[in-house]
């Protein structure tokens, strides 16, 4: 990991649902202590409106985000690369931390089905934050 603030890249195929929700949570919960990126191997032209709705229920606005293509540079510039259980072929670089979060795809699903996916993403992002940004020791 770099000595600067850690950088995390979330990747899913379309960069329209899971990776956008994860990035939204990490930006919200990690604040300026972590650099956040998201990308997809085959990005859609817009974020899944149900993912936007699910996140707005949490008070997190991801409407300004746009799906982006996964690049080698995005992987190189990240300390942690998290794929979203969609079999993406990510370039592998030594010294990077790679994780695969197996999560159901919210594409084509209603809000009732997307909420549990969103909640699981939040749980995993909170765990990631606790690993990347340990609480300062108290005297």
Protein backbone atom coordinates (compact mmCIF):
# COMPACT_ATOMS: atom_id res chain seq x y z
CA UNK A 1 0.00 0.00 0.00
CA UNK A 2 1.14 3.48 -0.68
CA UNK A 3 2.17 5.78 2.14
CA UNK A 4 -0.39 8.31 0.91
CA UNK A 5 -4.09 7.66 1.31
CA UNK A 6 -5.11 4.22 0.02
CA UNK A 7 -6.74 3.94 -3.40
CA UNK A 8 -9.53 1.46 -4.17
CA UNK A 9 -10.88 0.44 -7.58
CA UNK A 10 -14.28 -1.30 -7.79
CA UNK A 11 -14.88 -3.24 -11.01
CA UNK A 12 -17.97 -4.89 -12.48
CA UNK A 13 -18.94 -5.58 -16.08
CA UNK A 14 -21.26 -2.62 -16.67
CA UNK A 15 -20.05 -0.22 -13.94
CA UNK A 16 -23.71 0.68 -13.50
CA UNK A 17 -24.80 -1.02 -10.27
CA UNK A 18 -22.65 -2.89 -7.76
CA UNK A 19 -19.38 -1.05 -8.37
CA UNK A 20 -21.14 2.32 -8.35
CA UNK A 21 -22.91 1.53 -5.05
CA UNK A 22 -19.63 0.35 -3.50
CA UNK A 23 -17.83 3.49 -4.69
CA UNK A 24 -20.67 5.64 -3.34
CA UNK A 25 -20.42 4.03 0.10
CA UNK A 26 -16.63 4.27 0.21
CA UNK A 27 -16.72 7.96 -0.76
CA UNK A 28 -19.39 8.64 1.86
CA UNK A 29 -17.93 6.56 4.69
CA UNK A 30 -14.22 6.98 3.94
CA UNK A 31 -14.40 10.67 3.12
CA UNK A 32 -11.17 12.21 1.90
CA UNK A 33 -9.10 9.53 3.65
CA UNK A 34 -9.34 7.20 0.65
CA UNK A 35 -9.23 7.60 -3.13
CA UNK A 36 -12.12 5.86 -4.88
CA UNK A 37 -12.43 4.66 -8.49
CA UNK A 38 -14.89 2.43 -10.29
CA UNK A 39 -14.91 0.99 -13.80
CA UNK A 40 -16.34 -1.74 -15.99
CA UNK A 41 -15.14 -3.99 -18.78
CA UNK A 42 -18.29 -3.20 -20.82
CA UNK A 43 -19.71 -0.02 -19.26
CA UNK A 44 -23.34 0.91 -19.84
CA UNK A 45 -24.32 4.42 -20.91
CA UNK A 46 -25.88 5.25 -17.55
CA UNK A 47 -26.08 4.06 -13.93
CA UNK A 48 -28.88 1.63 -13.09
CA UNK A 49 -31.78 3.81 -11.86
CA UNK A 50 -32.70 1.22 -9.21
CA UNK A 51 -29.13 1.39 -7.83
CA UNK A 52 -29.51 5.19 -7.72
CA UNK A 53 -32.83 4.80 -5.88
CA UNK A 54 -31.40 2.27 -3.41
CA UNK A 55 -28.48 4.56 -2.59
CA UNK A 56 -30.71 7.63 -2.25
CA UNK A 57 -32.60 5.73 0.46
CA UNK A 58 -29.26 5.75 2.33
CA UNK A 59 -28.79 9.48 1.72
CA UNK A 60 -26.06 8.90 -0.88
CA UNK A 61 -26.40 10.55 -4.28
CA UNK A 62 -24.67 8.68 -7.12
CA UNK A 63 -26.63 10.36 -9.93
CA UNK A 64 -23.60 12.42 -11.00
CA UNK A 65 -21.47 9.32 -11.65
CA UNK A 66 -21.06 7.85 -15.11
CA UNK A 67 -19.95 4.33 -16.03
CA UNK A 68 -16.30 4.24 -17.11
CA UNK A 69 -14.21 1.76 -19.07
CA UNK A 70 -11.68 -0.28 -17.12
CA UNK A 71 -8.13 0.76 -17.99
CA UNK A 72 -4.73 -0.66 -17.14
CA UNK A 73 -3.84 2.74 -15.64
CA UNK A 74 -6.81 2.60 -13.23
CA UNK A 75 -5.53 -0.74 -11.94
CA UNK A 76 -1.91 0.47 -11.76
CA UNK A 77 -2.96 3.55 -9.76
CA UNK A 78 -4.98 1.55 -7.21
CA UNK A 79 -3.77 -0.21 -4.06
CA UNK A 80 -6.85 -2.43 -3.81
CA UNK A 81 -8.83 -3.83 -6.77
CA UNK A 82 -12.23 -5.32 -5.95
CA UNK A 83 -14.17 -7.17 -8.64
CA UNK A 84 -17.86 -7.82 -8.19
CA UNK A 85 -18.23 -11.53 -8.89
CA UNK A 86 -18.60 -11.08 -12.62
CA UNK A 87 -15.52 -12.81 -13.98
CA UNK A 88 -13.80 -9.65 -15.19
CA UNK A 89 -10.31 -10.07 -16.55
CA UNK A 90 -8.33 -7.49 -14.61
CA UNK A 91 -4.70 -6.83 -15.31
CA UNK A 92 -2.64 -8.21 -12.43
CA UNK A 93 0.21 -6.17 -11.01
CA UNK A 94 2.50 -7.21 -8.16
CA UNK A 95 1.94 -5.47 -4.85
CA UNK A 96 -1.78 -4.92 -5.39
CA UNK A 97 -4.47 -6.38 -3.19
CA UNK A 98 -7.17 -8.17 -5.18
CA UNK A 99 -10.55 -9.29 -3.86
CA UNK A 100 -13.61 -10.71 -5.56
CA UNK A 101 -16.94 -9.89 -3.93
CA UNK A 102 -19.55 -12.33 -5.15
CA UNK A 103 -22.70 -10.24 -5.28
CA UNK A 104 -25.91 -10.68 -7.22
CA UNK A 105 -26.25 -8.33 -10.19
CA UNK A 106 -28.95 -5.71 -9.56
CA UNK A 107 -29.55 -5.27 -13.33
CA UNK A 108 -33.19 -5.80 -14.21
CA UNK A 109 -34.27 -6.20 -10.59
CA UNK A 110 -36.70 -4.13 -8.54
CA UNK A 111 -35.87 -2.12 -5.45
CA UNK A 112 -36.91 -4.94 -3.08
CA UNK A 113 -34.28 -7.24 -4.62
CA UNK A 114 -31.60 -4.53 -4.79
CA UNK A 115 -31.82 -3.45 -1.13
CA UNK A 116 -30.18 -6.64 0.24
CA UNK A 117 -27.40 -6.34 -2.37
CA UNK A 118 -26.88 -2.70 -1.33
CA UNK A 119 -26.83 -3.65 2.34
CA UNK A 120 -24.24 -6.39 1.75
CA UNK A 121 -22.09 -3.93 -0.22
CA UNK A 122 -22.27 -1.49 2.72
CA UNK A 123 -21.21 -4.22 5.15
CA UNK A 124 -18.22 -5.14 3.00
CA UNK A 125 -17.21 -1.50 2.45
CA UNK A 126 -17.34 -0.87 6.21
CA UNK A 127 -15.10 -3.91 6.74
CA UNK A 128 -12.72 -2.69 4.03
CA UNK A 129 -12.53 0.75 5.67
CA UNK A 130 -11.67 -0.87 9.02
CA UNK A 131 -8.79 -2.71 7.31
CA UNK A 132 -7.50 0.23 5.25
CA UNK A 133 -8.03 2.99 7.78
CA UNK A 134 -7.43 1.58 11.25
CA UNK A 135 -8.77 3.73 14.05
CA UNK A 136 -6.11 5.88 15.67
CA UNK A 137 -4.81 4.52 18.96
CA UNK A 138 -6.25 6.23 22.00
CA UNK A 139 -4.02 7.21 24.90
